[in-house]
Amino acid sequence: MILAILQVRMTSPRLPGKAMELLCGEPMIWRQIERIRQARSVAKVVVATSAEPSDDVLASFLVARGQTVFRGATSNLAQRFMRCVDAAGAVTHVVRLKGDSPFVDPAIIDETARTAAVTRKPYVSNRVHPTYPRGLEVEIATVEALACAAAEMDALAAAESSPMGWLRAQPERFARAHVRSRRDWSGLDWRVKTPADLAFARGVYDALYPADPRFGLEDVLDVLQGRQDLARYATA
């Protein structure tokens, strides 16, 4: 089983509470979950957030919608990952996604999962050799590799590091495979980190979501071709 872990917090230096900002009438976090659930390879989605009071409203909203939420200490990402895995059951791989990415593409998640299945590498991503717009990053790792990373991070008191980053930084130990797009769009940045980014995301959602909630990468690119007011916000 492939488990998707969506990391999200309500604290943000430039756009606090962005996870609950609305895109076409629903919080951004919910739009992300909708898109992740469209990935055929993903069996379950867990939202990982902190136990801090600032994240209470986020957790309460998601639980009321029936979404599984795991809350843990802010200082130990690796253990938070492994507790999500332990609670989910028979997990073989974990997909890591971040809460500032409302354009996460289920087709790219599925392609990354297929690459992991074919290559049998412990770490697969489209991040090491970026060709997709920022905000469409997907990382997937085997549970065995993540457990190894978590144990090593605990031993070295490196709790604040990302377990995926731990694997990514040691290619000589954790073999990896890469997913690339047909063209290099790495100069685009579709993450939501500022009020201007949020305005961009709202503009694209307003243009695409009502007609096709399953819109993907190519659809966003098409919109940007005809909307220079949006395109100017989309570069890294």
C-alpha atoms as a PDB file:
ATOM      1  CA  MET A   1       0.000   0.000   0.000  1.00  0.00           C
ATOM      2  CA  ILE A   2       1.177   3.511  -0.814  1.00  0.00           C
ATOM      3  CA  LEU A   3       0.512   6.111   1.860  1.00  0.00           C
ATOM      4  CA  ALA A   4       0.541   9.818   1.015  1.00  0.00           C
ATOM      5  CA  ILE A   5       1.630  12.115   3.841  1.00  0.00           C
ATOM      6  CA  LEU A   6       0.678  15.748   3.357  1.00  0.00           C
ATOM      7  CA  GLN A   7       2.724  18.000   5.650  1.00  0.00           C
ATOM      8  CA  VAL A   8       0.967  21.232   6.555  1.00  0.00           C
ATOM      9  CA  ARG A   9       1.082  23.909   9.249  1.00  0.00           C
ATOM     10  CA  MET A  10      -0.960  27.040   9.857  1.00  0.00           C
ATOM     11  CA  THR A  11       2.124  29.066  10.739  1.00  0.00           C
ATOM     12  CA  SER A  12       3.849  30.790   7.834  1.00  0.00           C
ATOM     13  CA  PRO A  13       6.068  33.894   7.983  1.00  0.00           C
ATOM     14  CA  ARG A  14       4.608  35.493   4.862  1.00  0.00           C
ATOM     15  CA  LEU A  15       1.070  34.089   4.713  1.00  0.00           C
ATOM     16  CA  PRO A  16      -0.170  32.778   8.087  1.00  0.00           C
ATOM     17  CA  GLY A  17      -3.154  30.449   7.910  1.00  0.00           C
ATOM     18  CA  LYS A  18      -2.791  29.905   4.168  1.00  0.00           C
ATOM     19  CA  ALA A  19      -3.961  26.301   4.397  1.00  0.00           C
ATOM     20  CA  MET A  20      -7.465  27.557   5.214  1.00  0.00           C
ATOM     21  CA  GLU A  21      -7.561  30.274   2.559  1.00  0.00           C
ATOM     22  CA  LEU A  22     -10.323  29.648   0.026  1.00  0.00           C
ATOM     23  CA  LEU A  23      -9.924  28.383  -3.528  1.00  0.00           C
ATOM     24  CA  CYS A  24     -13.261  28.201  -5.332  1.00  0.00           C
ATOM     25  CA  GLY A  25     -15.143  28.133  -2.053  1.00  0.00           C
ATOM     26  CA  GLU A  26     -13.108  25.535  -0.147  1.00  0.00           C
ATOM     27  CA  PRO A  27      -9.908  25.773   1.920  1.00  0.00           C
ATOM     28  CA  MET A  28      -6.694  25.264  -0.007  1.00  0.00           C
ATOM     29  CA  ILE A  29      -5.858  22.220   2.100  1.00  0.00           C
ATOM     30  CA  TRP A  30      -9.081  20.555   0.987  1.00  0.00           C
ATOM     31  CA  ARG A  31      -8.393  21.278  -2.675  1.00  0.00           C
ATOM     32  CA  GLN A  32      -5.009  19.604  -2.243  1.00  0.00           C
ATOM     33  CA  ILE A  33      -6.562  16.546  -0.636  1.00  0.00           C
ATOM     34  CA  GLU A  34      -9.090  16.316  -3.461  1.00  0.00           C
ATOM     35  CA  ARG A  35      -6.264  16.228  -5.976  1.00  0.00           C
ATOM     36  CA  ILE A  36      -4.122  13.728  -4.078  1.00  0.00           C
ATOM     37  CA  ARG A  37      -7.095  11.370  -3.770  1.00  0.00           C
ATOM     38  CA  GLN A  38      -7.360  11.351  -7.563  1.00  0.00           C
ATOM     39  CA  ALA A  39      -4.023   9.520  -7.779  1.00  0.00           C
ATOM     40  CA  ARG A  40      -4.775   5.877  -8.505  1.00  0.00           C
ATOM     41  CA  SER A  41      -1.586   4.705  -6.833  1.00  0.00           C
ATOM     42  CA  VAL A  42      -2.390   6.225  -3.436  1.00  0.00           C
ATOM     43  CA  ALA A  43      -4.384   4.028  -1.079  1.00  0.00           C
ATOM     44  CA  LYS A  44      -4.601   6.444   1.841  1.00  0.00           C
ATOM     45  CA  VAL A  45      -3.902  10.098   2.619  1.00  0.00           C
ATOM     46  CA  VAL A  46      -2.804  11.339   6.036  1.00  0.00           C
ATOM     47  CA  VAL A  47      -2.367  14.978   6.938  1.00  0.00           C
ATOM     48  CA  ALA A  48       0.575  15.446   9.271  1.00  0.00           C
ATOM     49  CA  THR A  49       0.517  18.599  11.349  1.00  0.00           C
ATOM     50  CA  SER A  50       1.713  19.749  14.752  1.00  0.00           C
ATOM     51  CA  ALA A  51       0.136  19.521  18.175  1.00  0.00           C
ATOM     52  CA  GLU A  52       0.471  23.286  18.589  1.00  0.00           C
ATOM     53  CA  PRO A  53      -2.731  25.262  19.331  1.00  0.00           C
ATOM     54  CA  SER A  54      -2.190  27.236  16.119  1.00  0.00           C
ATOM     55  CA  ASP A  55      -3.040  24.086  14.159  1.00  0.00           C
ATOM     56  CA  ASP A  56      -6.243  23.278  16.086  1.00  0.00           C
ATOM     57  CA  VAL A  57      -8.542  24.926  13.554  1.00  0.00           C
ATOM     58  CA  LEU A  58      -6.889  23.040  10.702  1.00  0.00           C
ATOM     59  CA  ALA A  59      -7.131  19.674  12.443  1.00  0.00           C
ATOM     60  CA  SER A  60     -10.726  20.260  13.538  1.00  0.00           C
ATOM     61  CA  PHE A  61     -11.807  21.134  10.013  1.00  0.00           C
ATOM     62  CA  LEU A  62     -10.172  18.057   8.498  1.00  0.00           C
ATOM     63  CA  VAL A  63     -11.449  15.627  11.119  1.00  0.00           C
ATOM     64  CA  ALA A  64     -14.982  16.992  10.631  1.00  0.00           C
ATOM     65  CA  ARG A  65     -14.596  16.179   6.928  1.00  0.00           C
ATOM     66  CA  GLY A  66     -13.509  12.618   7.714  1.00  0.00           C
ATOM     67  CA  GLN A  67      -9.867  13.159   6.844  1.00  0.00           C
ATOM     68  CA  THR A  68      -7.243  11.264   8.842  1.00  0.00           C
ATOM     69  CA  VAL A  69      -4.955  13.660  10.718  1.00  0.00           C
ATOM     70  CA  PHE A  70      -1.823  12.919  12.698  1.00  0.00           C
ATOM     71  CA  ARG A  71      -0.569  15.528  15.148  1.00  0.00           C
ATOM     72  CA  GLY A  72       2.911  15.347  16.610  1.00  0.00           C
ATOM     73  CA  ALA A  73       5.818  17.326  17.972  1.00  0.00           C
ATOM     74  CA  THR A  74       7.159  20.014  15.674  1.00  0.00           C
ATOM     75  CA  SER A  75      10.748  18.979  16.386  1.00  0.00           C
ATOM     76  CA  ASN A  76      10.748  15.403  15.102  1.00  0.00           C
ATOM     77  CA  LEU A  77       9.629  15.015  11.508  1.00  0.00           C
ATOM     78  CA  ALA A  78      11.058  11.525  11.109  1.00  0.00           C
ATOM     79  CA  GLN A  79       9.139  10.097  14.035  1.00  0.00           C
ATOM     80  CA  ARG A  80       5.997  11.869  12.870  1.00  0.00           C
ATOM     81  CA  PHE A  81       6.386  10.094   9.515  1.00  0.00           C
ATOM     82  CA  MET A  82       6.915   6.702  11.111  1.00  0.00           C
ATOM     83  CA  ARG A  83       3.921   7.075  13.420  1.00  0.00           C
ATOM     84  CA  CYS A  84       1.765   7.860  10.416  1.00  0.00           C
ATOM     85  CA  VAL A  85       3.076   4.692   8.769  1.00  0.00           C
ATOM     86  CA  ASP A  86       2.493   2.561  11.869  1.00  0.00           C
ATOM     87  CA  ALA A  87      -1.085   3.790  12.183  1.00  0.00           C
ATOM     88  CA  ALA A  88      -1.888   3.211   8.508  1.00  0.00           C
ATOM     89  CA  GLY A  89      -1.192  -0.519   8.414  1.00  0.00           C
ATOM     90  CA  ALA A  90       0.568  -2.498   5.701  1.00  0.00           C
ATOM     91  CA  VAL A  91       2.406   0.362   4.010  1.00  0.00           C
ATOM     92  CA  THR A  92       5.154  -0.373   1.469  1.00  0.00           C
ATOM     93  CA  HIS A  93       5.881   3.162   0.221  1.00  0.00           C
ATOM     94  CA  VAL A  94       5.331   6.711   1.437  1.00  0.00           C
ATOM     95  CA  VAL A  95       4.676   9.715  -0.787  1.00  0.00           C
ATOM     96  CA  ARG A  96       5.651  13.023   0.779  1.00  0.00           C
ATOM     97  CA  LEU A  97       3.790  16.172  -0.273  1.00  0.00           C
ATOM     98  CA  LYS A  98       3.820  19.695   1.115  1.00  0.00           C
ATOM     99  CA  GLY A  99       0.952  21.950   2.137  1.00  0.00           C
ATOM    100  CA  ASP A 100       1.835  24.920  -0.064  1.00  0.00           C
ATOM    101  CA  SER A 101       1.090  23.126  -3.340  1.00  0.00           C
ATOM    102  CA  PRO A 102      -2.540  23.449  -4.514  1.00  0.00           C
ATOM    103  CA  PHE A 103      -1.579  22.312  -8.022  1.00  0.00           C
ATOM    104  CA  VAL A 104      -0.184  18.939  -6.958  1.00  0.00           C
ATOM    105  CA  ASP A 105      -0.833  16.700  -9.964  1.00  0.00           C
ATOM    106  CA  PRO A 106      -2.194  13.161  -9.439  1.00  0.00           C
ATOM    107  CA  ALA A 107      -0.756  12.074 -12.793  1.00  0.00           C
ATOM    108  CA  ILE A 108       2.739  12.974 -11.587  1.00  0.00           C
ATOM    109  CA  ILE A 109       2.158  11.120  -8.319  1.00  0.00           C
ATOM    110  CA  ASP A 110       1.140   8.036 -10.310  1.00  0.00           C
ATOM    111  CA  GLU A 111       4.129   8.325 -12.637  1.00  0.00           C
ATOM    112  CA  THR A 112       6.479   8.548  -9.656  1.00  0.00           C
ATOM    113  CA  ALA A 113       4.820   5.517  -8.071  1.00  0.00           C
ATOM    114  CA  ARG A 114       5.173   3.542 -11.322  1.00  0.00           C
ATOM    115  CA  THR A 115       8.850   4.444 -11.493  1.00  0.00           C
ATOM    116  CA  ALA A 116       9.316   3.266  -7.907  1.00  0.00           C
ATOM    117  CA  ALA A 117       7.622  -0.046  -8.717  1.00  0.00           C
ATOM    118  CA  VAL A 118       9.651  -0.645 -11.884  1.00  0.00           C
ATOM    119  CA  THR A 119      13.063   0.425 -10.603  1.00  0.00           C
ATOM    120  CA  ARG A 120      12.652  -0.829  -7.023  1.00  0.00           C
ATOM    121  CA  LYS A 121      14.799   2.039  -5.825  1.00  0.00           C
ATOM    122  CA  PRO A 122      14.384   3.112  -2.191  1.00  0.00           C
ATOM    123  CA  TYR A 123      13.954   6.765  -3.186  1.00  0.00           C
ATOM    124  CA  VAL A 124      12.269   8.187  -6.300  1.00  0.00           C
ATOM    125  CA  SER A 125      11.405  11.798  -7.034  1.00  0.00           C
ATOM    126  CA  ASN A 126      11.102  14.570  -9.588  1.00  0.00           C
ATOM    127  CA  ARG A 127      12.985  16.870  -7.214  1.00  0.00           C
ATOM    128  CA  VAL A 128      16.677  15.958  -7.519  1.00  0.00           C
ATOM    129  CA  HIS A 129      16.725  16.854 -11.218  1.00  0.00           C
ATOM    130  CA  PRO A 130      13.915  19.435 -11.354  1.00  0.00           C
ATOM    131  CA  THR A 131      11.998  19.801 -14.597  1.00  0.00           C
ATOM    132  CA  TYR A 132       8.466  20.353 -13.270  1.00  0.00           C
ATOM    133  CA  PRO A 133       7.175  23.666 -11.862  1.00  0.00           C
ATOM    134  CA  ARG A 134       7.923  24.115  -8.184  1.00  0.00           C
ATOM    135  CA  GLY A 135       4.895  23.026  -6.211  1.00  0.00           C
ATOM    136  CA  LEU A 136       4.561  19.817  -8.234  1.00  0.00           C
ATOM    137  CA  GLU A 137       7.362  18.020  -6.405  1.00  0.00           C
ATOM    138  CA  VAL A 138       6.715  14.391  -5.503  1.00  0.00           C
ATOM    139  CA  GLU A 139       8.986  12.204  -3.369  1.00  0.00           C
ATOM    140  CA  ILE A 140       8.376   8.532  -2.678  1.00  0.00           C
ATOM    141  CA  ALA A 141      10.409   6.176  -0.531  1.00  0.00           C
ATOM    142  CA  THR A 142      10.156   2.642   0.731  1.00  0.00           C
ATOM    143  CA  VAL A 143       9.129   2.165   4.334  1.00  0.00           C
ATOM    144  CA  GLU A 144      12.386   0.313   4.980  1.00  0.00           C
ATOM    145  CA  ALA A 145      14.451   3.283   3.797  1.00  0.00           C
ATOM    146  CA  LEU A 146      12.390   5.724   5.870  1.00  0.00           C
ATOM    147  CA  ALA A 147      12.705   3.558   8.974  1.00  0.00           C
ATOM    148  CA  CYS A 148      16.465   3.475   8.488  1.00  0.00           C
ATOM    149  CA  ALA A 149      16.561   7.259   8.077  1.00  0.00           C
ATOM    150  CA  ALA A 150      14.420   7.793  11.178  1.00  0.00           C
ATOM    151  CA  ALA A 151      16.657   5.543  13.305  1.00  0.00           C
ATOM    152  CA  GLU A 152      19.816   7.278  12.135  1.00  0.00           C
ATOM    153  CA  MET A 153      18.328  10.730  12.631  1.00  0.00           C
ATOM    154  CA  ASP A 154      17.309   9.839  16.184  1.00  0.00           C
ATOM    155  CA  ALA A 155      20.773   8.529  16.949  1.00  0.00           C
ATOM    156  CA  LEU A 156      22.379  11.721  15.675  1.00  0.00           C
ATOM    157  CA  ALA A 157      19.747  14.037  17.189  1.00  0.00           C
ATOM    158  CA  ALA A 158      18.871  15.309  13.714  1.00  0.00           C
ATOM    159  CA  ALA A 159      15.157  15.312  14.449  1.00  0.00           C
ATOM    160  CA  GLU A 160      14.376  18.596  12.714  1.00  0.00           C
ATOM    161  CA  SER A 161      15.599  17.357   9.338  1.00  0.00           C
ATOM    162  CA  SER A 162      13.251  15.796   6.809  1.00  0.00           C
ATOM    163  CA  PRO A 163      13.607  12.006   6.489  1.00  0.00           C
ATOM    164  CA  MET A 164      13.194  12.374   2.718  1.00  0.00           C
ATOM    165  CA  GLY A 165      16.000  14.931   2.728  1.00  0.00           C
ATOM    166  CA  TRP A 166      18.121  12.463   4.706  1.00  0.00           C
ATOM    167  CA  LEU A 167      17.663   9.855   1.974  1.00  0.00           C
ATOM    168  CA  ARG A 168      18.142  12.385  -0.796  1.00  0.00           C
ATOM    169  CA  ALA A 169      21.467  13.535   0.640  1.00  0.00           C
ATOM    170  CA  GLN A 170      22.994  10.037   0.607  1.00  0.00           C
ATOM    171  CA  PRO A 171      22.684   8.617  -2.925  1.00  0.00           C
ATOM    172  CA  GLU A 172      25.670   6.330  -2.335  1.00  0.00           C
ATOM    173  CA  ARG A 173      23.652   4.512   0.345  1.00  0.00           C
ATOM    174  CA  PHE A 174      20.071   4.941  -0.837  1.00  0.00           C
ATOM    175  CA  ALA A 175      19.831   4.353  -4.574  1.00  0.00           C
ATOM    176  CA  ARG A 176      17.415   6.629  -6.351  1.00  0.00           C
ATOM    177  CA  ALA A 177      15.536   7.063  -9.589  1.00  0.00           C
ATOM    178  CA  HIS A 178      14.298  10.236 -11.222  1.00  0.00           C
ATOM    179  CA  VAL A 179      11.106  11.374 -12.935  1.00  0.00           C
ATOM    180  CA  ARG A 180      11.398  14.084 -15.577  1.00  0.00           C
ATOM    181  CA  SER A 181       8.845  16.025 -17.599  1.00  0.00           C
ATOM    182  CA  ARG A 182       8.871  16.199 -21.390  1.00  0.00           C
ATOM    183  CA  ARG A 183      10.068  19.811 -21.165  1.00  0.00           C
ATOM    184  CA  ASP A 184      11.921  21.835 -18.568  1.00  0.00           C
ATOM    185  CA  TRP A 185       9.414  23.934 -16.624  1.00  0.00           C
ATOM    186  CA  SER A 186      11.597  24.279 -13.534  1.00  0.00           C
ATOM    187  CA  GLY A 187      11.629  28.063 -13.932  1.00  0.00           C
ATOM    188  CA  LEU A 188       7.976  28.176 -12.883  1.00  0.00           C
ATOM    189  CA  ASP A 189       6.919  28.390  -9.257  1.00  0.00           C
ATOM    190  CA  TRP A 190       3.303  27.502  -8.398  1.00  0.00           C
ATOM    191  CA  ARG A 191       3.696  27.228  -4.631  1.00  0.00           C
ATOM    192  CA  VAL A 192       1.607  29.441  -2.342  1.00  0.00           C
ATOM    193  CA  LYS A 193       3.885  31.309   0.023  1.00  0.00           C
ATOM    194  CA  THR A 194       2.770  34.949  -0.306  1.00  0.00           C
ATOM    195  CA  PRO A 195      -0.474  36.901  -0.878  1.00  0.00           C
ATOM    196  CA  ALA A 196       0.552  37.296  -4.544  1.00  0.00           C
ATOM    197  CA  ASP A 197       0.934  33.510  -4.846  1.00  0.00           C
ATOM    198  CA  LEU A 198      -2.535  33.063  -3.380  1.00  0.00           C
ATOM    199  CA  ALA A 199      -3.980  35.519  -5.892  1.00  0.00           C
ATOM    200  CA  PHE A 200      -2.320  33.509  -8.676  1.00  0.00           C
ATOM    201  CA  ALA A 201      -3.756  30.236  -7.371  1.00  0.00           C
ATOM    202  CA  ARG A 202      -7.224  31.742  -7.088  1.00  0.00           C
ATOM    203  CA  GLY A 203      -7.030  33.076 -10.632  1.00  0.00           C
ATOM    204  CA  VAL A 204      -6.068  29.699 -12.051  1.00  0.00           C
ATOM    205  CA  TYR A 205      -8.669  27.822 -10.000  1.00  0.00           C
ATOM    206  CA  ASP A 206     -11.387  30.272 -11.042  1.00  0.00           C
ATOM    207  CA  ALA A 207     -10.425  29.716 -14.677  1.00  0.00           C
ATOM    208  CA  LEU A 208     -10.240  25.904 -14.557  1.00  0.00           C
ATOM    209  CA  TYR A 209     -11.925  24.294 -11.566  1.00  0.00           C
ATOM    210  CA  PRO A 210     -15.621  24.998 -12.339  1.00  0.00           C
ATOM    211  CA  ALA A 211     -15.373  23.269 -15.725  1.00  0.00           C
ATOM    212  CA  ASP A 212     -12.954  20.507 -14.745  1.00  0.00           C
ATOM    213  CA  PRO A 213     -11.978  19.866 -11.095  1.00  0.00           C
ATOM    214  CA  ARG A 214      -9.430  17.321 -12.355  1.00  0.00           C
ATOM    215  CA  PHE A 215      -7.399  19.863 -14.319  1.00  0.00           C
ATOM    216  CA  GLY A 216      -3.687  19.128 -14.602  1.00  0.00           C
ATOM    217  CA  LEU A 217      -0.314  20.542 -15.530  1.00  0.00           C
ATOM    218  CA  GLU A 218      -1.082  21.073 -19.213  1.00  0.00           C
ATOM    219  CA  ASP A 219      -4.324  22.881 -18.397  1.00  0.00           C
ATOM    220  CA  VAL A 220      -2.530  25.350 -16.128  1.00  0.00           C
ATOM    221  CA  LEU A 221       0.100  25.946 -18.802  1.00  0.00           C
ATOM    222  CA  ASP A 222      -2.651  26.644 -21.341  1.00  0.00           C
ATOM    223  CA  VAL A 223      -4.225  29.226 -19.042  1.00  0.00           C
ATOM    224  CA  LEU A 224      -0.895  30.961 -18.546  1.00  0.00           C
ATOM    225  CA  GLN A 225      -0.445  31.237 -22.312  1.00  0.00           C
ATOM    226  CA  GLY A 226      -3.497  33.474 -22.538  1.00  0.00           C
ATOM    227  CA  ARG A 227      -3.381  35.231 -19.175  1.00  0.00           C
ATOM    228  CA  GLN A 228      -0.315  37.404 -18.818  1.00  0.00           C
ATOM    229  CA  ASP A 229      -1.762  38.842 -15.610  1.00  0.00           C
ATOM    230  CA  LEU A 230      -1.390  35.380 -14.098  1.00  0.00           C
ATOM    231  CA  ALA A 231       1.758  34.328 -15.927  1.00  0.00           C
ATOM    232  CA  ARG A 232       3.820  37.100 -14.350  1.00  0.00           C
ATOM    233  CA  TYR A 233       3.258  35.575 -10.910  1.00  0.00           C
ATOM    234  CA  ALA A 234       4.182  32.035 -11.955  1.00  0.00           C
ATOM    235  CA  THR A 235       7.960  32.304 -12.368  1.00  0.00           C
ATOM    236  CA  ALA A 236      10.446  31.231  -9.724  1.00  0.00           C
END
